[in-house]
Amino acid sequence: MTGQETEAGMADRASRLAAIHAEAFDGPHGAPWSAAAFADLLAQPGVFAADSPDGFILMRVVADEAEILTLAVRPGSRRKGQGARLVGEGVLAAAARGANRVFLEVAEDNAPARALYQRAGFVEAGRRPGYYAGAGGARRDALLLALNLAAPLP
């Protein structure tokens, strides 16, 4: 929470992010997060969101590394460049906060998300077997992706 954001304002923002997340993750690529989960995350040091009316990216910066916690775009607003804009905005904000590298996990079978991150310059850095729960108890692997940011000028 910033000094200018009230507790009520943060609760409203958390509810808005949860509503977008619920629309975006109503399907095979994960379960939506609650407003309480977003409020808890947004209250943590280093966590920030870049958002628009139809999408957001939630990230965390610790020391010189950043992590994309989640990216959500409403289904009706997909394939219009919004995800790429949010990733770009998030990466720039993370770099401004001192990050030199950005990480994320993505389900191996989430081809649209993988393509988005590949276009943004992310490369596979590892795999987490059985990381995501699927329908009927099936497990899906997560790919760990990384993006090295340009070193800051001296």
C-alpha atoms as a PDB file:
ATOM      1  CA  MET A   1       0.000   0.000   0.000  1.00  0.00           C
ATOM      2  CA  THR A   2       1.399   3.385  -0.913  1.00  0.00           C
ATOM      3  CA  GLY A   3       1.169   6.315   1.434  1.00  0.00           C
ATOM      4  CA  GLN A   4      -1.557   7.760  -0.773  1.00  0.00           C
ATOM      5  CA  GLU A   5      -3.678   4.603  -1.072  1.00  0.00           C
ATOM      6  CA  THR A   6      -6.222   4.149   1.704  1.00  0.00           C
ATOM      7  CA  GLU A   7      -7.135   0.789   3.179  1.00  0.00           C
ATOM      8  CA  ALA A   8     -10.564   1.059   1.527  1.00  0.00           C
ATOM      9  CA  GLY A   9      -8.922   1.960  -1.780  1.00  0.00           C
ATOM     10  CA  MET A  10      -6.638  -1.069  -1.527  1.00  0.00           C
ATOM     11  CA  ALA A  11      -9.627  -3.330  -0.761  1.00  0.00           C
ATOM     12  CA  ASP A  12     -11.458  -1.942  -3.812  1.00  0.00           C
ATOM     13  CA  ARG A  13      -8.384  -2.507  -5.972  1.00  0.00           C
ATOM     14  CA  ALA A  14      -7.963  -6.059  -4.651  1.00  0.00           C
ATOM     15  CA  SER A  15     -11.628  -6.778  -5.444  1.00  0.00           C
ATOM     16  CA  ARG A  16     -11.234  -5.376  -8.967  1.00  0.00           C
ATOM     17  CA  LEU A  17      -8.110  -7.456  -9.607  1.00  0.00           C
ATOM     18  CA  ALA A  18      -9.845 -10.577  -8.251  1.00  0.00           C
ATOM     19  CA  ALA A  19     -12.805 -10.003 -10.597  1.00  0.00           C
ATOM     20  CA  ILE A  20     -10.514  -9.721 -13.631  1.00  0.00           C
ATOM     21  CA  HIS A  21      -8.536 -12.759 -12.461  1.00  0.00           C
ATOM     22  CA  ALA A  22     -11.745 -14.788 -12.103  1.00  0.00           C
ATOM     23  CA  GLU A  23     -12.713 -14.013 -15.704  1.00  0.00           C
ATOM     24  CA  ALA A  24      -9.234 -14.694 -17.033  1.00  0.00           C
ATOM     25  CA  PHE A  25      -8.710 -17.959 -15.159  1.00  0.00           C
ATOM     26  CA  ASP A  26     -12.125 -19.517 -15.695  1.00  0.00           C
ATOM     27  CA  GLY A  27     -10.733 -22.475 -17.578  1.00  0.00           C
ATOM     28  CA  PRO A  28      -7.935 -25.013 -17.735  1.00  0.00           C
ATOM     29  CA  HIS A  29      -5.001 -22.745 -16.844  1.00  0.00           C
ATOM     30  CA  GLY A  30      -5.486 -22.211 -13.141  1.00  0.00           C
ATOM     31  CA  ALA A  31      -7.914 -21.249 -10.435  1.00  0.00           C
ATOM     32  CA  PRO A  32      -8.857 -17.635  -9.719  1.00  0.00           C
ATOM     33  CA  TRP A  33      -7.466 -15.919  -6.640  1.00  0.00           C
ATOM     34  CA  SER A  34      -9.691 -14.245  -4.042  1.00  0.00           C
ATOM     35  CA  ALA A  35      -9.842 -10.552  -3.213  1.00  0.00           C
ATOM     36  CA  ALA A  36      -8.334 -11.405   0.186  1.00  0.00           C
ATOM     37  CA  ALA A  37      -5.366 -13.085  -1.521  1.00  0.00           C
ATOM     38  CA  PHE A  38      -4.800  -9.985  -3.677  1.00  0.00           C
ATOM     39  CA  ALA A  39      -5.083  -7.689  -0.645  1.00  0.00           C
ATOM     40  CA  ASP A  40      -2.537  -9.802   1.225  1.00  0.00           C
ATOM     41  CA  LEU A  41      -0.132  -9.780  -1.720  1.00  0.00           C
ATOM     42  CA  LEU A  42      -0.478  -6.047  -2.381  1.00  0.00           C
ATOM     43  CA  ALA A  43       0.358  -5.356   1.272  1.00  0.00           C
ATOM     44  CA  GLN A  44       3.672  -7.223   1.025  1.00  0.00           C
ATOM     45  CA  PRO A  45       6.942  -5.331   0.495  1.00  0.00           C
ATOM     46  CA  GLY A  46       8.092  -5.266  -3.115  1.00  0.00           C
ATOM     47  CA  VAL A  47       4.733  -6.304  -4.598  1.00  0.00           C
ATOM     48  CA  PHE A  48       3.122  -4.035  -7.173  1.00  0.00           C
ATOM     49  CA  ALA A  49       0.516  -4.177  -9.908  1.00  0.00           C
ATOM     50  CA  ALA A  50       0.226  -2.431 -13.237  1.00  0.00           C
ATOM     51  CA  ASP A  51      -3.382  -2.493 -14.306  1.00  0.00           C
ATOM     52  CA  SER A  52      -5.928  -1.343 -16.826  1.00  0.00           C
ATOM     53  CA  PRO A  53      -9.714  -1.764 -16.895  1.00  0.00           C
ATOM     54  CA  ASP A  54      -9.386  -5.136 -18.644  1.00  0.00           C
ATOM     55  CA  GLY A  55      -6.155  -6.597 -17.289  1.00  0.00           C
ATOM     56  CA  PHE A  56      -3.250  -6.419 -14.900  1.00  0.00           C
ATOM     57  CA  ILE A  57       0.160  -7.808 -14.065  1.00  0.00           C
ATOM     58  CA  LEU A  58       1.133  -8.487 -10.464  1.00  0.00           C
ATOM     59  CA  MET A  59       4.843  -8.628  -9.685  1.00  0.00           C
ATOM     60  CA  ARG A  60       7.257  -8.809  -6.775  1.00  0.00           C
ATOM     61  CA  VAL A  61      10.798  -7.415  -6.621  1.00  0.00           C
ATOM     62  CA  VAL A  62      13.260  -8.729  -4.050  1.00  0.00           C
ATOM     63  CA  ALA A  63      16.836  -7.464  -4.201  1.00  0.00           C
ATOM     64  CA  ASP A  64      17.790  -7.566  -7.910  1.00  0.00           C
ATOM     65  CA  GLU A  65      15.231 -10.183  -9.017  1.00  0.00           C
ATOM     66  CA  ALA A  66      11.583  -9.846  -9.970  1.00  0.00           C
ATOM     67  CA  GLU A  67       8.838 -12.392 -10.356  1.00  0.00           C
ATOM     68  CA  ILE A  68       5.629 -12.163 -12.322  1.00  0.00           C
ATOM     69  CA  LEU A  69       3.101 -13.540  -9.844  1.00  0.00           C
ATOM     70  CA  THR A  70       0.206 -13.456 -12.286  1.00  0.00           C
ATOM     71  CA  LEU A  71      -0.945 -11.793 -15.487  1.00  0.00           C
ATOM     72  CA  ALA A  72      -4.629 -11.604 -16.333  1.00  0.00           C
ATOM     73  CA  VAL A  73      -6.512 -10.149 -19.298  1.00  0.00           C
ATOM     74  CA  ARG A  74     -10.279 -10.379 -19.666  1.00  0.00           C
ATOM     75  CA  PRO A  75     -11.163 -12.876 -22.437  1.00  0.00           C
ATOM     76  CA  GLY A  76     -12.905 -10.210 -24.554  1.00  0.00           C
ATOM     77  CA  SER A  77      -9.765  -8.057 -24.546  1.00  0.00           C
ATOM     78  CA  ARG A  78      -7.242 -10.721 -25.533  1.00  0.00           C
ATOM     79  CA  ARG A  79      -5.255 -10.791 -28.768  1.00  0.00           C
ATOM     80  CA  LYS A  80      -5.200  -6.977 -28.854  1.00  0.00           C
ATOM     81  CA  GLY A  81      -1.725  -6.387 -27.404  1.00  0.00           C
ATOM     82  CA  GLN A  82      -2.845  -5.691 -23.849  1.00  0.00           C
ATOM     83  CA  GLY A  83      -0.911  -8.613 -22.344  1.00  0.00           C
ATOM     84  CA  ALA A  84       2.263  -7.494 -24.104  1.00  0.00           C
ATOM     85  CA  ARG A  85       1.745  -3.905 -22.892  1.00  0.00           C
ATOM     86  CA  LEU A  86       1.245  -5.077 -19.315  1.00  0.00           C
ATOM     87  CA  VAL A  87       4.329  -7.312 -19.424  1.00  0.00           C
ATOM     88  CA  GLY A  88       6.367  -4.421 -20.824  1.00  0.00           C
ATOM     89  CA  GLU A  89       5.073  -2.004 -18.219  1.00  0.00           C
ATOM     90  CA  GLY A  90       5.701  -4.504 -15.424  1.00  0.00           C
ATOM     91  CA  VAL A  91       9.236  -5.270 -16.576  1.00  0.00           C
ATOM     92  CA  LEU A  92      10.059  -1.552 -16.796  1.00  0.00           C
ATOM     93  CA  ALA A  93       8.643  -0.966 -13.312  1.00  0.00           C
ATOM     94  CA  ALA A  94      10.631  -3.914 -11.952  1.00  0.00           C
ATOM     95  CA  ALA A  95      13.817  -2.566 -13.538  1.00  0.00           C
ATOM     96  CA  ALA A  96      13.120   0.854 -11.990  1.00  0.00           C
ATOM     97  CA  ARG A  97      12.913  -0.947  -8.626  1.00  0.00           C
ATOM     98  CA  GLY A  98      16.356  -2.490  -9.185  1.00  0.00           C
ATOM     99  CA  ALA A  99      15.586  -5.828 -10.850  1.00  0.00           C
ATOM    100  CA  ASN A 100      18.165  -7.241 -13.258  1.00  0.00           C
ATOM    101  CA  ARG A 101      16.261 -10.455 -13.982  1.00  0.00           C
ATOM    102  CA  VAL A 102      12.569 -11.383 -14.154  1.00  0.00           C
ATOM    103  CA  PHE A 103      11.186 -14.879 -13.560  1.00  0.00           C
ATOM    104  CA  LEU A 104       7.797 -16.531 -13.919  1.00  0.00           C
ATOM    105  CA  GLU A 105       6.164 -19.943 -14.058  1.00  0.00           C
ATOM    106  CA  VAL A 106       3.763 -20.870 -16.839  1.00  0.00           C
ATOM    107  CA  ALA A 107       1.897 -24.106 -17.461  1.00  0.00           C
ATOM    108  CA  GLU A 108       3.627 -26.121 -20.147  1.00  0.00           C
ATOM    109  CA  ASP A 109       0.317 -26.518 -22.010  1.00  0.00           C
ATOM    110  CA  ASN A 110      -0.567 -22.793 -21.974  1.00  0.00           C
ATOM    111  CA  ALA A 111       0.542 -22.052 -25.546  1.00  0.00           C
ATOM    112  CA  PRO A 112      -0.873 -18.485 -25.754  1.00  0.00           C
ATOM    113  CA  ALA A 113       0.927 -17.392 -22.572  1.00  0.00           C
ATOM    114  CA  ARG A 114       4.138 -19.096 -23.607  1.00  0.00           C
ATOM    115  CA  ALA A 115       4.035 -17.300 -26.967  1.00  0.00           C
ATOM    116  CA  LEU A 116       3.444 -13.954 -25.256  1.00  0.00           C
ATOM    117  CA  TYR A 117       6.421 -14.419 -22.946  1.00  0.00           C
ATOM    118  CA  GLN A 118       8.631 -15.678 -25.774  1.00  0.00           C
ATOM    119  CA  ARG A 119       7.841 -12.534 -27.792  1.00  0.00           C
ATOM    120  CA  ALA A 120       8.830 -10.485 -24.717  1.00  0.00           C
ATOM    121  CA  GLY A 121      12.233 -12.188 -24.654  1.00  0.00           C
ATOM    122  CA  PHE A 122      11.741 -14.749 -21.881  1.00  0.00           C
ATOM    123  CA  VAL A 123      13.617 -18.044 -22.231  1.00  0.00           C
ATOM    124  CA  GLU A 124      13.167 -21.379 -20.507  1.00  0.00           C
ATOM    125  CA  ALA A 125      15.357 -21.651 -17.414  1.00  0.00           C
ATOM    126  CA  GLY A 126      13.911 -24.752 -15.783  1.00  0.00           C
ATOM    127  CA  ARG A 127      10.926 -27.009 -15.218  1.00  0.00           C
ATOM    128  CA  ARG A 128       8.809 -27.791 -12.170  1.00  0.00           C
ATOM    129  CA  PRO A 129       7.302 -31.260 -12.697  1.00  0.00           C
ATOM    130  CA  GLY A 130       3.675 -31.586 -11.578  1.00  0.00           C
ATOM    131  CA  TYR A 131       3.566 -27.986 -10.329  1.00  0.00           C
ATOM    132  CA  TYR A 132      -0.009 -27.241 -11.436  1.00  0.00           C
ATOM    133  CA  ALA A 133      -3.080 -29.242 -10.449  1.00  0.00           C
ATOM    134  CA  GLY A 134      -5.309 -30.124 -13.370  1.00  0.00           C
ATOM    135  CA  ALA A 135      -8.798 -31.486 -13.782  1.00  0.00           C
ATOM    136  CA  GLY A 136      -9.415 -34.883 -12.227  1.00  0.00           C
ATOM    137  CA  GLY A 137      -6.226 -34.753 -10.167  1.00  0.00           C
ATOM    138  CA  ALA A 138      -3.902 -34.694 -13.170  1.00  0.00           C
ATOM    139  CA  ARG A 139      -0.726 -32.670 -12.698  1.00  0.00           C
ATOM    140  CA  ARG A 140       0.898 -30.388 -15.269  1.00  0.00           C
ATOM    141  CA  ASP A 141       4.480 -29.216 -15.458  1.00  0.00           C
ATOM    142  CA  ALA A 142       5.390 -25.564 -15.090  1.00  0.00           C
ATOM    143  CA  LEU A 143       8.107 -24.014 -17.169  1.00  0.00           C
ATOM    144  CA  LEU A 144      10.327 -21.552 -15.332  1.00  0.00           C
ATOM    145  CA  LEU A 145      11.024 -18.658 -17.690  1.00  0.00           C
ATOM    146  CA  ALA A 146      13.581 -15.893 -17.213  1.00  0.00           C
ATOM    147  CA  LEU A 147      14.320 -12.546 -18.787  1.00  0.00           C
ATOM    148  CA  ASN A 148      17.706 -10.917 -18.275  1.00  0.00           C
ATOM    149  CA  LEU A 149      17.416  -7.149 -18.266  1.00  0.00           C
ATOM    150  CA  ALA A 150      20.116  -4.924 -19.680  1.00  0.00           C
ATOM    151  CA  ALA A 151      22.661  -3.947 -17.064  1.00  0.00           C
ATOM    152  CA  PRO A 152      22.199  -0.380 -15.828  1.00  0.00           C
ATOM    153  CA  LEU A 153      24.622   2.243 -17.046  1.00  0.00           C
ATOM    154  CA  PRO A 154      27.405   3.181 -14.579  1.00  0.00           C
END
